[in-house]
Amino acid sequence: MLVLVLSCKKSEGIKKPEVKTVTGKSLGVLATAEEIAYRGQLASAIESGRVMEIAGLSSEDGALAQQWEWLSLNSQKWTAQRISDSYFKIINIGSKKVLTSPGNTAGAQLQQSEYTGSDSQLWRIISAGPGQLYRVVNKNGLAVSLNAPGDGNGAAITQEATGAGASQLWFIQRLFSNPLKAAVADPWVTQRNGTYYFTATTGWNITIYKTKNMSQLKSAP
């Protein structure tokens, strides 16, 4: 499963995913582990910092997709699970509902709903050029679009006929969890003989953790 975030500016702790070009097919690089999340950002509005989200952090069927400034909310994080060689279902991390086309009408605003396996919930994620750019196209042939990025927070994410240029080019960024311990202060780390030693204060003590891999610090003894 993969997480998609459509977004415009670089944020601390976010890396661009490694890209593999697969002509005419959805990119297998996006079929990743369930815990990996992504945000999606319109390529023509990189400096706005706005991403695709579900309005109001809603978990209800029919809640609408829109753009909003990046706040690292679960409603702004997405994962995609491969359904077939060509199609994914795109899942919102917050609601666990999937991105859904409301029909075959161009210009209609996208929404979320419980997954039923219908064609309206099946999406291709297609390479659209260098620089981690993608088009996201429903099985009905209509593409995820943001035709008015200048409208700011709350602008509708719609479906449009493919070929609308920059309004359909999405920059997909993989999100990484911070491996540091939560609810600690004064962090410090040193290494000796292949082992990392991490110290921190909690308000009433000083704790030392040790680990061979800093990426596993959360589970370190």
C-alpha atoms as a PDB file:
ATOM      1  CA  MET A   1       0.000   0.000   0.000  1.00  0.00           C
ATOM      2  CA  LEU A   2       1.193   3.510  -0.686  1.00  0.00           C
ATOM      3  CA  VAL A   3       0.502   6.903   0.716  1.00  0.00           C
ATOM      4  CA  LEU A   4       0.110   9.863  -1.583  1.00  0.00           C
ATOM      5  CA  VAL A   5       0.405  13.468  -0.728  1.00  0.00           C
ATOM      6  CA  LEU A   6      -0.044  16.025  -3.466  1.00  0.00           C
ATOM      7  CA  SER A   7       1.940  19.090  -2.475  1.00  0.00           C
ATOM      8  CA  CYS A   8       4.114  21.997  -3.629  1.00  0.00           C
ATOM      9  CA  LYS A   9       7.006  22.921  -1.416  1.00  0.00           C
ATOM     10  CA  LYS A  10       9.762  21.001   0.269  1.00  0.00           C
ATOM     11  CA  SER A  11       9.250  20.348   3.970  1.00  0.00           C
ATOM     12  CA  GLU A  12      11.699  19.180   6.585  1.00  0.00           C
ATOM     13  CA  GLY A  13      11.724  15.418   6.900  1.00  0.00           C
ATOM     14  CA  ILE A  14      10.274  14.799   3.418  1.00  0.00           C
ATOM     15  CA  LYS A  15      12.165  13.119   0.625  1.00  0.00           C
ATOM     16  CA  LYS A  16      11.279  12.670  -2.992  1.00  0.00           C
ATOM     17  CA  PRO A  17      10.593   9.030  -3.878  1.00  0.00           C
ATOM     18  CA  GLU A  18      12.974   7.144  -6.094  1.00  0.00           C
ATOM     19  CA  VAL A  19      11.570   7.111  -9.607  1.00  0.00           C
ATOM     20  CA  LYS A  20      11.447   4.265 -12.084  1.00  0.00           C
ATOM     21  CA  THR A  21      10.013   4.875 -15.524  1.00  0.00           C
ATOM     22  CA  VAL A  22       7.542   2.263 -16.759  1.00  0.00           C
ATOM     23  CA  THR A  23       6.165   3.259 -20.118  1.00  0.00           C
ATOM     24  CA  GLY A  24       2.372   3.128 -20.360  1.00  0.00           C
ATOM     25  CA  LYS A  25       1.842   1.628 -16.915  1.00  0.00           C
ATOM     26  CA  SER A  26       1.278   2.781 -13.371  1.00  0.00           C
ATOM     27  CA  LEU A  27       4.600   3.017 -11.568  1.00  0.00           C
ATOM     28  CA  GLY A  28       5.364  -0.006  -9.423  1.00  0.00           C
ATOM     29  CA  VAL A  29       7.520   2.212  -7.207  1.00  0.00           C
ATOM     30  CA  LEU A  30       4.281   3.535  -5.699  1.00  0.00           C
ATOM     31  CA  ALA A  31       3.113   0.114  -4.535  1.00  0.00           C
ATOM     32  CA  THR A  32       4.801   0.228  -1.155  1.00  0.00           C
ATOM     33  CA  ALA A  33       4.320  -0.922   2.415  1.00  0.00           C
ATOM     34  CA  GLU A  34       1.086   0.078   4.110  1.00  0.00           C
ATOM     35  CA  GLU A  35       2.771   2.266   6.720  1.00  0.00           C
ATOM     36  CA  ILE A  36       4.391   4.491   4.070  1.00  0.00           C
ATOM     37  CA  ALA A  37       2.470   7.705   3.399  1.00  0.00           C
ATOM     38  CA  TYR A  38       2.634  10.293   0.651  1.00  0.00           C
ATOM     39  CA  ARG A  39       1.351  13.777   0.039  1.00  0.00           C
ATOM     40  CA  GLY A  40       0.359  15.107  -3.364  1.00  0.00           C
ATOM     41  CA  GLN A  41       1.092  18.611  -4.568  1.00  0.00           C
ATOM     42  CA  LEU A  42       0.243  20.380  -7.803  1.00  0.00           C
ATOM     43  CA  ALA A  43       3.466  20.883  -9.748  1.00  0.00           C
ATOM     44  CA  SER A  44       2.444  24.303 -11.080  1.00  0.00           C
ATOM     45  CA  ALA A  45       2.043  25.686  -7.554  1.00  0.00           C
ATOM     46  CA  ILE A  46       5.166  24.385  -5.826  1.00  0.00           C
ATOM     47  CA  GLU A  47       5.666  27.476  -3.700  1.00  0.00           C
ATOM     48  CA  SER A  48       2.119  27.533  -2.311  1.00  0.00           C
ATOM     49  CA  GLY A  49       2.775  24.605   0.004  1.00  0.00           C
ATOM     50  CA  ARG A  50      -0.812  23.420  -0.471  1.00  0.00           C
ATOM     51  CA  VAL A  51      -1.734  19.754  -0.777  1.00  0.00           C
ATOM     52  CA  MET A  52      -4.726  17.560  -1.566  1.00  0.00           C
ATOM     53  CA  GLU A  53      -6.850  16.767   1.487  1.00  0.00           C
ATOM     54  CA  ILE A  54     -10.331  15.706   2.571  1.00  0.00           C
ATOM     55  CA  ALA A  55     -12.245  18.763   3.764  1.00  0.00           C
ATOM     56  CA  GLY A  56     -12.876  19.128   7.472  1.00  0.00           C
ATOM     57  CA  LEU A  57     -10.894  16.004   8.401  1.00  0.00           C
ATOM     58  CA  SER A  58     -14.178  14.221   7.678  1.00  0.00           C
ATOM     59  CA  SER A  59     -14.574  10.434   7.759  1.00  0.00           C
ATOM     60  CA  GLU A  60     -18.005  10.574   6.120  1.00  0.00           C
ATOM     61  CA  ASP A  61     -18.839   9.203   2.682  1.00  0.00           C
ATOM     62  CA  GLY A  62     -19.193  12.052   0.203  1.00  0.00           C
ATOM     63  CA  ALA A  63     -16.726  14.395   1.941  1.00  0.00           C
ATOM     64  CA  LEU A  64     -15.010  16.490  -0.726  1.00  0.00           C
ATOM     65  CA  ALA A  65     -11.379  16.690  -1.869  1.00  0.00           C
ATOM     66  CA  GLN A  66      -9.803  20.137  -1.798  1.00  0.00           C
ATOM     67  CA  GLN A  67      -6.439  21.862  -1.528  1.00  0.00           C
ATOM     68  CA  TRP A  68      -5.152  23.295   1.744  1.00  0.00           C
ATOM     69  CA  GLU A  69      -1.867  24.437   3.197  1.00  0.00           C
ATOM     70  CA  TRP A  70       0.273  21.584   4.522  1.00  0.00           C
ATOM     71  CA  LEU A  71      -0.417  21.035   8.247  1.00  0.00           C
ATOM     72  CA  SER A  72       0.779  17.409   8.434  1.00  0.00           C
ATOM     73  CA  LEU A  73      -2.782  16.254   9.166  1.00  0.00           C
ATOM     74  CA  ASN A  74      -3.809  12.674   8.432  1.00  0.00           C
ATOM     75  CA  SER A  75      -6.544  14.061   6.171  1.00  0.00           C
ATOM     76  CA  GLN A  76      -3.697  15.342   3.942  1.00  0.00           C
ATOM     77  CA  LYS A  77      -1.878  12.006   3.734  1.00  0.00           C
ATOM     78  CA  TRP A  78      -2.650   9.267   1.239  1.00  0.00           C
ATOM     79  CA  THR A  79      -1.645   5.725   0.464  1.00  0.00           C
ATOM     80  CA  ALA A  80      -2.288   3.709  -2.680  1.00  0.00           C
ATOM     81  CA  GLN A  81      -2.882  -0.030  -2.782  1.00  0.00           C
ATOM     82  CA  ARG A  82      -2.380  -1.851  -6.064  1.00  0.00           C
ATOM     83  CA  ILE A  83      -5.551  -3.581  -7.272  1.00  0.00           C
ATOM     84  CA  SER A  84      -4.262  -4.811 -10.633  1.00  0.00           C
ATOM     85  CA  ASP A  85      -1.348  -4.271 -13.012  1.00  0.00           C
ATOM     86  CA  SER A  86      -2.834  -0.924 -14.036  1.00  0.00           C
ATOM     87  CA  TYR A  87      -4.993   0.340 -11.167  1.00  0.00           C
ATOM     88  CA  PHE A  88      -4.731   1.459  -7.554  1.00  0.00           C
ATOM     89  CA  LYS A  89      -7.208   2.432  -4.891  1.00  0.00           C
ATOM     90  CA  ILE A  90      -6.068   5.686  -3.241  1.00  0.00           C
ATOM     91  CA  ILE A  91      -6.775   5.722   0.487  1.00  0.00           C
ATOM     92  CA  ASN A  92      -6.919   8.688   2.845  1.00  0.00           C
ATOM     93  CA  ILE A  93      -4.871   7.972   5.971  1.00  0.00           C
ATOM     94  CA  GLY A  94      -7.247   9.834   8.272  1.00  0.00           C
ATOM     95  CA  SER A  95     -10.615   8.500   7.158  1.00  0.00           C
ATOM     96  CA  LYS A  96      -9.568   5.130   5.655  1.00  0.00           C
ATOM     97  CA  LYS A  97     -11.948   5.980   2.799  1.00  0.00           C
ATOM     98  CA  VAL A  98     -10.874   5.964  -0.850  1.00  0.00           C
ATOM     99  CA  LEU A  99     -10.714   8.700  -3.464  1.00  0.00           C
ATOM    100  CA  THR A 100     -13.817   8.389  -5.627  1.00  0.00           C
ATOM    101  CA  SER A 101     -15.039   9.892  -8.882  1.00  0.00           C
ATOM    102  CA  PRO A 102     -18.645  11.154  -8.531  1.00  0.00           C
ATOM    103  CA  GLY A 103     -19.495  10.084 -12.098  1.00  0.00           C
ATOM    104  CA  ASN A 104     -18.443  10.689 -15.662  1.00  0.00           C
ATOM    105  CA  THR A 105     -18.954  14.460 -15.702  1.00  0.00           C
ATOM    106  CA  ALA A 106     -15.869  16.601 -16.252  1.00  0.00           C
ATOM    107  CA  GLY A 107     -15.531  19.390 -13.699  1.00  0.00           C
ATOM    108  CA  ALA A 108     -17.154  17.473 -10.829  1.00  0.00           C
ATOM    109  CA  GLN A 109     -15.405  17.683  -7.459  1.00  0.00           C
ATOM    110  CA  LEU A 110     -13.786  14.465  -6.219  1.00  0.00           C
ATOM    111  CA  GLN A 111     -14.869  12.898  -2.943  1.00  0.00           C
ATOM    112  CA  GLN A 112     -14.183   9.987  -0.627  1.00  0.00           C
ATOM    113  CA  SER A 113     -16.267   6.894   0.055  1.00  0.00           C
ATOM    114  CA  GLU A 114     -16.107   3.389   1.459  1.00  0.00           C
ATOM    115  CA  TYR A 115     -14.288   1.065  -0.920  1.00  0.00           C
ATOM    116  CA  THR A 116     -16.632  -1.138  -2.938  1.00  0.00           C
ATOM    117  CA  GLY A 117     -14.367  -2.024  -5.849  1.00  0.00           C
ATOM    118  CA  SER A 118     -16.345   0.058  -8.321  1.00  0.00           C
ATOM    119  CA  ASP A 119     -14.661   1.551 -11.394  1.00  0.00           C
ATOM    120  CA  SER A 120     -15.128   5.028  -9.894  1.00  0.00           C
ATOM    121  CA  GLN A 121     -12.582   4.095  -7.204  1.00  0.00           C
ATOM    122  CA  LEU A 122      -9.875   2.728  -9.504  1.00  0.00           C
ATOM    123  CA  TRP A 123      -7.005   5.010 -10.516  1.00  0.00           C
ATOM    124  CA  ARG A 124      -3.916   4.857 -12.706  1.00  0.00           C
ATOM    125  CA  ILE A 125      -0.798   6.664 -11.436  1.00  0.00           C
ATOM    126  CA  ILE A 126       1.130   7.503 -14.578  1.00  0.00           C
ATOM    127  CA  SER A 127       4.577   9.015 -15.038  1.00  0.00           C
ATOM    128  CA  ALA A 128       4.236  12.483 -16.573  1.00  0.00           C
ATOM    129  CA  GLY A 129       7.887  13.353 -17.019  1.00  0.00           C
ATOM    130  CA  PRO A 130      11.050  13.810 -14.977  1.00  0.00           C
ATOM    131  CA  GLY A 131      11.065  15.195 -11.468  1.00  0.00           C
ATOM    132  CA  GLN A 132       8.538  12.843  -9.830  1.00  0.00           C
ATOM    133  CA  LEU A 133       5.608  14.240 -11.805  1.00  0.00           C
ATOM    134  CA  TYR A 134       2.513  12.080 -12.235  1.00  0.00           C
ATOM    135  CA  ARG A 135      -1.003  12.140 -13.624  1.00  0.00           C
ATOM    136  CA  VAL A 136      -3.694  10.392 -11.601  1.00  0.00           C
ATOM    137  CA  VAL A 137      -6.442   9.156 -13.912  1.00  0.00           C
ATOM    138  CA  ASN A 138      -9.703   7.435 -13.031  1.00  0.00           C
ATOM    139  CA  LYS A 139     -10.879   4.370 -14.909  1.00  0.00           C
ATOM    140  CA  ASN A 140     -13.465   6.647 -16.569  1.00  0.00           C
ATOM    141  CA  GLY A 141     -10.571   8.491 -18.264  1.00  0.00           C
ATOM    142  CA  LEU A 142     -10.853  11.734 -16.263  1.00  0.00           C
ATOM    143  CA  ALA A 143      -7.789  13.061 -14.451  1.00  0.00           C
ATOM    144  CA  VAL A 144      -7.363  14.554 -10.975  1.00  0.00           C
ATOM    145  CA  SER A 145      -7.072  18.308 -11.538  1.00  0.00           C
ATOM    146  CA  LEU A 146      -6.693  21.630  -9.772  1.00  0.00           C
ATOM    147  CA  ASN A 147      -7.480  24.261 -12.371  1.00  0.00           C
ATOM    148  CA  ALA A 148      -7.353  27.251 -10.019  1.00  0.00           C
ATOM    149  CA  PRO A 149      -4.405  26.820  -7.632  1.00  0.00           C
ATOM    150  CA  GLY A 150      -4.422  30.574  -7.077  1.00  0.00           C
ATOM    151  CA  ASP A 151      -7.791  30.269  -5.331  1.00  0.00           C
ATOM    152  CA  GLY A 152      -5.916  29.183  -2.216  1.00  0.00           C
ATOM    153  CA  ASN A 153      -7.222  27.094   0.657  1.00  0.00           C
ATOM    154  CA  GLY A 154     -10.449  25.304  -0.135  1.00  0.00           C
ATOM    155  CA  ALA A 155     -10.061  25.234  -3.931  1.00  0.00           C
ATOM    156  CA  ALA A 156     -11.834  22.178  -5.338  1.00  0.00           C
ATOM    157  CA  ILE A 157      -9.954  19.115  -6.560  1.00  0.00           C
ATOM    158  CA  THR A 158     -11.914  18.093  -9.652  1.00  0.00           C
ATOM    159  CA  GLN A 159     -11.839  15.582 -12.484  1.00  0.00           C
ATOM    160  CA  GLU A 160     -11.166  16.848 -15.982  1.00  0.00           C
ATOM    161  CA  ALA A 161     -10.447  15.479 -19.445  1.00  0.00           C
ATOM    162  CA  THR A 162      -6.798  14.499 -19.706  1.00  0.00           C
ATOM    163  CA  GLY A 163      -4.405  16.831 -21.463  1.00  0.00           C
ATOM    164  CA  ALA A 164      -5.103  19.962 -19.404  1.00  0.00           C
ATOM    165  CA  GLY A 165      -1.399  20.523 -18.836  1.00  0.00           C
ATOM    166  CA  ALA A 166       0.011  21.803 -15.554  1.00  0.00           C
ATOM    167  CA  SER A 167      -3.322  21.612 -13.721  1.00  0.00           C
ATOM    168  CA  GLN A 168      -3.022  17.795 -13.807  1.00  0.00           C
ATOM    169  CA  LEU A 169       0.656  17.360 -12.968  1.00  0.00           C
ATOM    170  CA  TRP A 170       1.180  16.235  -9.389  1.00  0.00           C
ATOM    171  CA  PHE A 171       4.439  16.101  -7.453  1.00  0.00           C
ATOM    172  CA  ILE A 172       4.251  13.103  -5.119  1.00  0.00           C
ATOM    173  CA  GLN A 173       6.369  13.185  -1.988  1.00  0.00           C
ATOM    174  CA  ARG A 174       7.036  10.327   0.381  1.00  0.00           C
ATOM    175  CA  LEU A 175       6.638  11.139   4.076  1.00  0.00           C
ATOM    176  CA  PHE A 176       9.009   9.783   6.692  1.00  0.00           C
ATOM    177  CA  SER A 177       8.316   9.431  10.409  1.00  0.00           C
ATOM    178  CA  ASN A 178      10.692  11.157  12.794  1.00  0.00           C
ATOM    179  CA  PRO A 179      12.543   8.341  14.586  1.00  0.00           C
ATOM    180  CA  LEU A 180      13.233  10.397  17.730  1.00  0.00           C
ATOM    181  CA  LYS A 181      11.484   9.622  20.979  1.00  0.00           C
ATOM    182  CA  ALA A 182       8.340  11.613  21.736  1.00  0.00           C
ATOM    183  CA  ALA A 183       7.933  13.687  24.912  1.00  0.00           C
ATOM    184  CA  VAL A 184      11.651  14.094  25.611  1.00  0.00           C
ATOM    185  CA  ALA A 185      13.927  17.119  25.767  1.00  0.00           C
ATOM    186  CA  ASP A 186      17.641  17.870  25.424  1.00  0.00           C
ATOM    187  CA  PRO A 187      18.362  15.090  22.906  1.00  0.00           C
ATOM    188  CA  TRP A 188      21.960  14.084  22.239  1.00  0.00           C
ATOM    189  CA  VAL A 189      23.513  11.168  20.358  1.00  0.00           C
ATOM    190  CA  THR A 190      26.983   9.669  20.107  1.00  0.00           C
ATOM    191  CA  GLN A 191      28.400   6.547  18.464  1.00  0.00           C
ATOM    192  CA  ARG A 192      30.951   4.011  19.691  1.00  0.00           C
ATOM    193  CA  ASN A 193      31.980   0.700  18.126  1.00  0.00           C
ATOM    194  CA  GLY A 194      29.007   0.612  15.758  1.00  0.00           C
ATOM    195  CA  THR A 195      26.390   1.383  18.431  1.00  0.00           C
ATOM    196  CA  TYR A 196      24.479   4.659  18.792  1.00  0.00           C
ATOM    197  CA  TYR A 197      23.786   5.987  22.310  1.00  0.00           C
ATOM    198  CA  PHE A 198      20.923   8.465  22.561  1.00  0.00           C
ATOM    199  CA  THR A 199      20.285  10.483  25.709  1.00  0.00           C
ATOM    200  CA  ALA A 200      17.321  12.670  26.616  1.00  0.00           C
ATOM    201  CA  THR A 201      15.560  14.140  29.627  1.00  0.00           C
ATOM    202  CA  THR A 202      11.904  13.568  30.466  1.00  0.00           C
ATOM    203  CA  GLY A 203      11.518  16.134  33.283  1.00  0.00           C
ATOM    204  CA  TRP A 204      12.415  13.770  36.107  1.00  0.00           C
ATOM    205  CA  ASN A 205      15.345  11.719  34.813  1.00  0.00           C
ATOM    206  CA  ILE A 206      18.018  11.278  32.180  1.00  0.00           C
ATOM    207  CA  THR A 207      17.553   8.218  29.978  1.00  0.00           C
ATOM    208  CA  ILE A 208      20.056   6.491  27.711  1.00  0.00           C
ATOM    209  CA  TYR A 209      18.932   4.343  24.767  1.00  0.00           C
ATOM    210  CA  LYS A 210      21.205   2.252  22.566  1.00  0.00           C
ATOM    211  CA  THR A 211      20.644   0.954  19.049  1.00  0.00           C
ATOM    212  CA  LYS A 212      22.579  -0.295  16.040  1.00  0.00           C
ATOM    213  CA  ASN A 213      20.285   1.708  13.711  1.00  0.00           C
ATOM    214  CA  MET A 214      19.017   5.221  14.427  1.00  0.00           C
ATOM    215  CA  SER A 215      15.972   4.449  12.278  1.00  0.00           C
ATOM    216  CA  GLN A 216      14.941   1.975  15.025  1.00  0.00           C
ATOM    217  CA  LEU A 217      15.321   4.409  17.911  1.00  0.00           C
ATOM    218  CA  LYS A 218      11.615   4.305  18.808  1.00  0.00           C
ATOM    219  CA  SER A 219      11.947   0.630  19.765  1.00  0.00           C
ATOM    220  CA  ALA A 220      15.437   0.837  21.264  1.00  0.00           C
ATOM    221  CA  PRO A 221      15.995  -0.461  24.825  1.00  0.00           C
END
